[in-house]
Amino acid sequence: MATEELKYPGELASPQQIHELAEEYRKAAHHLLPLGRAGKPLTRAPFRLSAIHAIELYLTALLLHRGHNPNQIRKMQHDLSARTEHTTAAGLRLRAKTAKHLQSLSQNREYLVTRYGPEMSATASQISRLTATLEEVAVKVTLLIGLSPSQRQASPTSAKKVQVRDLATSLSASPAS
C-alpha cells in the first residue's frame, strides 16, 4: 500500500487565489473594527487577527507572484519581517513607517499575542497604525500583482473604489523612505 504524499494546504494555490483570500480577511477586519470598544483592548483582538493575517496573505501572494517556492514561504511561518524583506527585494516599496511597523509586528510577536496573550493586549500596536499598514500593503501588492478591478474583489460601493484608487495614487507618490 503506497502512502500518498499529502499537500500542505495552500501549496497549490495561485497568487490570485491567495490575494482573494487576503481581500476577504481585509474585508472581515473592516467589519470587525467597529465592534471594538474604547478602553477594552481585548475587543480589538478579532480585528487585529484578521488584519495581521490579511497582511501576511498579501505578502505571500506577491512572493508567489514573483516565483517564490510555497515551501520556502511557509518556512517563514508568521514572520512578517522576513516576508517584508523578501517582498521588498521583489519590488514592493513601502513607506518607512509601514516597513518599520511590519518589523515591529514580528519583533513584538503581535500575531501570537493577539491569538494567545490576552494579558498583553494593551501592548499591541495602535489600531490606526495597523489599519494604515493593512491598507498600504493591500493597495501596493494589488498594484504589483497587476490585478484588474474586475479580477480584484472590490468593495460593492463605487465610493469605496474611488477611495482605494485615491489611496493607491497617494501611496505610489509617497517616497519609499
C-alpha atoms as a PDB file:
ATOM      1  CA  MET A   1       0.000   0.000   0.000  1.00  0.00           C
ATOM      2  CA  ALA A   2       1.649   3.204  -1.183  1.00  0.00           C
ATOM      3  CA  THR A   3       1.311   6.221   1.009  1.00  0.00           C
ATOM      4  CA  GLU A   4       0.125   9.259  -0.804  1.00  0.00           C
ATOM      5  CA  GLU A   5       2.071  12.437  -0.079  1.00  0.00           C
ATOM      6  CA  LEU A   6      -0.284  14.978   1.379  1.00  0.00           C
ATOM      7  CA  LYS A   7      -0.039  18.504   0.040  1.00  0.00           C
ATOM      8  CA  TYR A   8       0.155  21.295   2.544  1.00  0.00           C
ATOM      9  CA  PRO A   9      -2.993  23.472   2.450  1.00  0.00           C
ATOM     10  CA  GLY A  10      -2.339  26.375   0.123  1.00  0.00           C
ATOM     11  CA  GLU A  11       0.676  24.764  -1.526  1.00  0.00           C
ATOM     12  CA  LEU A  12      -1.091  24.588  -4.865  1.00  0.00           C
ATOM     13  CA  ALA A  13      -2.912  27.913  -4.566  1.00  0.00           C
ATOM     14  CA  SER A  14      -2.234  30.562  -7.182  1.00  0.00           C
ATOM     15  CA  PRO A  15      -1.107  34.074  -6.251  1.00  0.00           C
ATOM     16  CA  GLN A  16      -4.545  35.310  -7.322  1.00  0.00           C
ATOM     17  CA  GLN A  17      -6.288  32.843  -5.000  1.00  0.00           C
ATOM     18  CA  ILE A  18      -4.101  33.898  -2.064  1.00  0.00           C
ATOM     19  CA  HIS A  19      -4.793  37.533  -2.945  1.00  0.00           C
ATOM     20  CA  GLU A  20      -8.547  36.859  -2.965  1.00  0.00           C
ATOM     21  CA  LEU A  21      -8.244  35.250   0.461  1.00  0.00           C
ATOM     22  CA  ALA A  22      -6.302  38.286   1.708  1.00  0.00           C
ATOM     23  CA  GLU A  23      -9.088  40.533   0.391  1.00  0.00           C
ATOM     24  CA  GLU A  24     -11.673  38.552   2.352  1.00  0.00           C
ATOM     25  CA  TYR A  25      -9.663  38.831   5.574  1.00  0.00           C
ATOM     26  CA  ARG A  26      -9.216  42.570   4.948  1.00  0.00           C
ATOM     27  CA  LYS A  27     -12.979  42.957   4.496  1.00  0.00           C
ATOM     28  CA  ALA A  28     -13.596  40.937   7.652  1.00  0.00           C
ATOM     29  CA  ALA A  29     -11.161  43.128   9.568  1.00  0.00           C
ATOM     30  CA  HIS A  30     -13.048  46.233   8.467  1.00  0.00           C
ATOM     31  CA  HIS A  31     -16.343  44.693   9.577  1.00  0.00           C
ATOM     32  CA  LEU A  32     -14.840  43.765  12.953  1.00  0.00           C
ATOM     33  CA  LEU A  33     -13.265  47.145  13.618  1.00  0.00           C
ATOM     34  CA  PRO A  34     -16.454  48.915  14.813  1.00  0.00           C
ATOM     35  CA  LEU A  35     -17.113  46.094  17.292  1.00  0.00           C
ATOM     36  CA  GLY A  36     -14.102  47.126  19.383  1.00  0.00           C
ATOM     37  CA  ARG A  37     -14.763  49.309  22.397  1.00  0.00           C
ATOM     38  CA  ALA A  38     -12.620  52.135  23.729  1.00  0.00           C
ATOM     39  CA  GLY A  39     -10.662  51.150  26.814  1.00  0.00           C
ATOM     40  CA  LYS A  40     -11.259  47.443  26.149  1.00  0.00           C
ATOM     41  CA  PRO A  41      -8.219  46.189  24.193  1.00  0.00           C
ATOM     42  CA  LEU A  42      -9.480  42.600  24.036  1.00  0.00           C
ATOM     43  CA  THR A  43     -12.457  43.721  21.970  1.00  0.00           C
ATOM     44  CA  ARG A  44      -9.987  44.688  19.223  1.00  0.00           C
ATOM     45  CA  ALA A  45      -8.391  41.223  19.058  1.00  0.00           C
ATOM     46  CA  PRO A  46     -10.631  39.847  16.264  1.00  0.00           C
ATOM     47  CA  PHE A  47      -9.856  42.909  14.131  1.00  0.00           C
ATOM     48  CA  ARG A  48      -6.140  42.585  14.851  1.00  0.00           C
ATOM     49  CA  LEU A  49      -6.014  38.906  13.983  1.00  0.00           C
ATOM     50  CA  SER A  50      -7.882  39.415  10.714  1.00  0.00           C
ATOM     51  CA  ALA A  51      -5.771  42.439   9.765  1.00  0.00           C
ATOM     52  CA  ILE A  52      -2.444  40.768  10.536  1.00  0.00           C
ATOM     53  CA  HIS A  53      -3.483  37.633   8.685  1.00  0.00           C
ATOM     54  CA  ALA A  54      -4.595  39.675   5.667  1.00  0.00           C
ATOM     55  CA  ILE A  55      -1.210  41.430   5.604  1.00  0.00           C
ATOM     56  CA  GLU A  56       0.569  38.075   5.728  1.00  0.00           C
ATOM     57  CA  LEU A  57      -1.564  36.771   2.864  1.00  0.00           C
ATOM     58  CA  TYR A  58      -0.961  39.869   0.702  1.00  0.00           C
ATOM     59  CA  LEU A  59       2.789  39.498   1.153  1.00  0.00           C
ATOM     60  CA  THR A  60       2.541  35.782   0.389  1.00  0.00           C
ATOM     61  CA  ALA A  61       0.546  36.480  -2.775  1.00  0.00           C
ATOM     62  CA  LEU A  62       3.260  38.826  -4.001  1.00  0.00           C
ATOM     63  CA  LEU A  63       6.010  36.328  -3.233  1.00  0.00           C
ATOM     64  CA  LEU A  64       4.138  33.613  -5.123  1.00  0.00           C
ATOM     65  CA  HIS A  65       3.527  36.033  -7.988  1.00  0.00           C
ATOM     66  CA  ARG A  66       7.272  36.680  -8.155  1.00  0.00           C
ATOM     67  CA  GLY A  67       8.001  32.942  -8.328  1.00  0.00           C
ATOM     68  CA  HIS A  68       8.971  32.101  -4.750  1.00  0.00           C
ATOM     69  CA  ASN A  69       8.560  28.487  -3.705  1.00  0.00           C
ATOM     70  CA  PRO A  70       5.494  27.919  -1.472  1.00  0.00           C
ATOM     71  CA  ASN A  71       7.530  25.639   0.814  1.00  0.00           C
ATOM     72  CA  GLN A  72      10.134  28.369   1.366  1.00  0.00           C
ATOM     73  CA  ILE A  73       7.391  30.902   2.075  1.00  0.00           C
ATOM     74  CA  ARG A  74       5.770  28.541   4.579  1.00  0.00           C
ATOM     75  CA  LYS A  75       9.121  28.188   6.401  1.00  0.00           C
ATOM     76  CA  MET A  76       8.871  31.894   7.247  1.00  0.00           C
ATOM     77  CA  GLN A  77       5.881  30.964   9.416  1.00  0.00           C
ATOM     78  CA  HIS A  78       4.178  34.189  10.589  1.00  0.00           C
ATOM     79  CA  ASP A  79       7.329  36.316  10.361  1.00  0.00           C
ATOM     80  CA  LEU A  80       6.154  39.497   8.662  1.00  0.00           C
ATOM     81  CA  SER A  81       9.647  40.953   8.889  1.00  0.00           C
ATOM     82  CA  ALA A  82      11.093  38.136   6.747  1.00  0.00           C
ATOM     83  CA  ARG A  83       8.199  38.401   4.301  1.00  0.00           C
ATOM     84  CA  THR A  84       8.727  42.158   4.085  1.00  0.00           C
ATOM     85  CA  GLU A  85      12.431  41.692   3.306  1.00  0.00           C
ATOM     86  CA  HIS A  86      11.622  39.249   0.511  1.00  0.00           C
ATOM     87  CA  THR A  87       8.797  41.355  -0.924  1.00  0.00           C
ATOM     88  CA  THR A  88      10.980  44.459  -0.844  1.00  0.00           C
ATOM     89  CA  ALA A  89      13.548  42.546  -2.894  1.00  0.00           C
ATOM     90  CA  ALA A  90      10.646  41.571  -5.186  1.00  0.00           C
ATOM     91  CA  GLY A  91       9.750  45.210  -5.829  1.00  0.00           C
ATOM     92  CA  LEU A  92       7.379  46.228  -3.025  1.00  0.00           C
ATOM     93  CA  ARG A  93       8.127  49.790  -1.919  1.00  0.00           C
ATOM     94  CA  LEU A  94       6.556  50.648   1.404  1.00  0.00           C
ATOM     95  CA  ARG A  95       6.729  53.861   3.346  1.00  0.00           C
ATOM     96  CA  ALA A  96       9.423  53.731   6.036  1.00  0.00           C
ATOM     97  CA  LYS A  97       6.785  53.925   8.783  1.00  0.00           C
ATOM     98  CA  THR A  98       4.934  50.942   7.326  1.00  0.00           C
ATOM     99  CA  ALA A  99       8.075  48.839   6.904  1.00  0.00           C
ATOM    100  CA  LYS A 100       9.070  49.646  10.476  1.00  0.00           C
ATOM    101  CA  HIS A 101       5.603  48.673  11.709  1.00  0.00           C
ATOM    102  CA  LEU A 102       5.783  45.316   9.914  1.00  0.00           C
ATOM    103  CA  GLN A 103       9.135  44.697  11.570  1.00  0.00           C
ATOM    104  CA  SER A 104       7.729  45.622  14.988  1.00  0.00           C
ATOM    105  CA  LEU A 105       4.751  43.310  14.478  1.00  0.00           C
ATOM    106  CA  SER A 106       7.241  40.464  14.166  1.00  0.00           C
ATOM    107  CA  GLN A 107       9.589  41.598  16.933  1.00  0.00           C
ATOM    108  CA  ASN A 108       6.708  42.029  19.359  1.00  0.00           C
ATOM    109  CA  ARG A 109       5.159  38.747  18.203  1.00  0.00           C
ATOM    110  CA  GLU A 110       1.868  40.553  17.839  1.00  0.00           C
ATOM    111  CA  TYR A 111       0.305  37.697  15.864  1.00  0.00           C
ATOM    112  CA  LEU A 112       0.849  35.327  18.791  1.00  0.00           C
ATOM    113  CA  VAL A 113      -0.030  37.926  21.418  1.00  0.00           C
ATOM    114  CA  THR A 114      -3.303  38.607  19.618  1.00  0.00           C
ATOM    115  CA  ARG A 115      -4.139  34.913  19.466  1.00  0.00           C
ATOM    116  CA  TYR A 116      -2.981  33.707  22.859  1.00  0.00           C
ATOM    117  CA  GLY A 117      -1.935  36.576  25.135  1.00  0.00           C
ATOM    118  CA  PRO A 118      -4.933  38.484  26.478  1.00  0.00           C
ATOM    119  CA  GLU A 119      -2.772  39.760  29.343  1.00  0.00           C
ATOM    120  CA  MET A 120      -0.550  41.520  26.769  1.00  0.00           C
ATOM    121  CA  SER A 121      -3.304  43.032  24.600  1.00  0.00           C
ATOM    122  CA  ALA A 122      -2.707  46.559  25.880  1.00  0.00           C
ATOM    123  CA  THR A 123       0.864  46.476  24.469  1.00  0.00           C
ATOM    124  CA  ALA A 124      -0.222  45.855  20.879  1.00  0.00           C
ATOM    125  CA  SER A 125       0.283  48.434  18.147  1.00  0.00           C
ATOM    126  CA  GLN A 126      -2.207  51.244  17.678  1.00  0.00           C
ATOM    127  CA  ILE A 127      -5.345  50.409  15.721  1.00  0.00           C
ATOM    128  CA  SER A 128      -4.844  53.365  13.380  1.00  0.00           C
ATOM    129  CA  ARG A 129      -1.283  52.214  12.576  1.00  0.00           C
ATOM    130  CA  LEU A 130      -2.419  48.638  11.938  1.00  0.00           C
ATOM    131  CA  THR A 131      -5.238  49.881   9.709  1.00  0.00           C
ATOM    132  CA  ALA A 132      -2.870  52.108   7.730  1.00  0.00           C
ATOM    133  CA  THR A 133      -0.369  49.266   7.308  1.00  0.00           C
ATOM    134  CA  LEU A 134      -3.099  46.911   6.114  1.00  0.00           C
ATOM    135  CA  GLU A 135      -4.384  49.401   3.562  1.00  0.00           C
ATOM    136  CA  GLU A 136      -0.960  50.317   2.212  1.00  0.00           C
ATOM    137  CA  VAL A 137       0.087  46.688   1.821  1.00  0.00           C
ATOM    138  CA  ALA A 138      -3.245  45.784   0.210  1.00  0.00           C
ATOM    139  CA  VAL A 139      -3.124  48.583  -2.344  1.00  0.00           C
ATOM    140  CA  LYS A 140       0.534  48.260  -3.268  1.00  0.00           C
ATOM    141  CA  VAL A 141       0.533  44.460  -3.544  1.00  0.00           C
ATOM    142  CA  THR A 142      -2.615  44.592  -5.668  1.00  0.00           C
ATOM    143  CA  LEU A 143      -0.927  47.070  -8.000  1.00  0.00           C
ATOM    144  CA  LEU A 144       2.251  44.980  -8.232  1.00  0.00           C
ATOM    145  CA  ILE A 145       0.376  41.789  -8.954  1.00  0.00           C
ATOM    146  CA  GLY A 146      -1.422  43.715 -11.659  1.00  0.00           C
ATOM    147  CA  LEU A 147      -4.941  42.583 -10.945  1.00  0.00           C
ATOM    148  CA  SER A 148      -7.553  44.497 -12.854  1.00  0.00           C
ATOM    149  CA  PRO A 149     -10.565  45.860 -10.979  1.00  0.00           C
ATOM    150  CA  SER A 150     -12.701  43.030 -12.364  1.00  0.00           C
ATOM    151  CA  GLN A 151     -10.245  40.439 -11.007  1.00  0.00           C
ATOM    152  CA  ARG A 152      -9.957  42.166  -7.650  1.00  0.00           C
ATOM    153  CA  GLN A 153     -12.753  41.574  -5.184  1.00  0.00           C
ATOM    154  CA  ALA A 154     -13.647  45.231  -4.918  1.00  0.00           C
ATOM    155  CA  SER A 155     -15.961  46.831  -2.429  1.00  0.00           C
ATOM    156  CA  PRO A 156     -19.570  47.000  -3.614  1.00  0.00           C
ATOM    157  CA  THR A 157     -19.787  50.784  -3.499  1.00  0.00           C
ATOM    158  CA  SER A 158     -18.238  52.978  -6.143  1.00  0.00           C
ATOM    159  CA  ALA A 159     -17.233  55.476  -3.443  1.00  0.00           C
ATOM    160  CA  LYS A 160     -15.017  52.833  -1.876  1.00  0.00           C
ATOM    161  CA  LYS A 161     -13.450  52.115  -5.283  1.00  0.00           C
ATOM    162  CA  VAL A 162     -12.628  55.794  -5.673  1.00  0.00           C
ATOM    163  CA  GLN A 163     -11.201  55.866  -2.152  1.00  0.00           C
ATOM    164  CA  VAL A 164      -8.950  52.857  -2.887  1.00  0.00           C
ATOM    165  CA  ARG A 165      -7.850  54.389  -6.211  1.00  0.00           C
ATOM    166  CA  ASP A 166      -7.080  57.699  -4.477  1.00  0.00           C
ATOM    167  CA  LEU A 167      -5.164  55.867  -1.745  1.00  0.00           C
ATOM    168  CA  ALA A 168      -3.190  53.957  -4.377  1.00  0.00           C
ATOM    169  CA  THR A 169      -2.312  57.216  -6.110  1.00  0.00           C
ATOM    170  CA  SER A 170      -1.204  58.895  -2.900  1.00  0.00           C
ATOM    171  CA  LEU A 171       0.766  55.862  -1.727  1.00  0.00           C
ATOM    172  CA  SER A 172       2.519  55.416  -5.069  1.00  0.00           C
ATOM    173  CA  ALA A 173       3.539  59.078  -4.906  1.00  0.00           C
ATOM    174  CA  SER A 174       4.912  58.650  -1.369  1.00  0.00           C
ATOM    175  CA  PRO A 175       8.664  58.125  -1.095  1.00  0.00           C
ATOM    176  CA  ALA A 176       9.791  54.648  -0.034  1.00  0.00           C
ATOM    177  CA  SER A 177      11.690  56.038   2.934  1.00  0.00           C
END
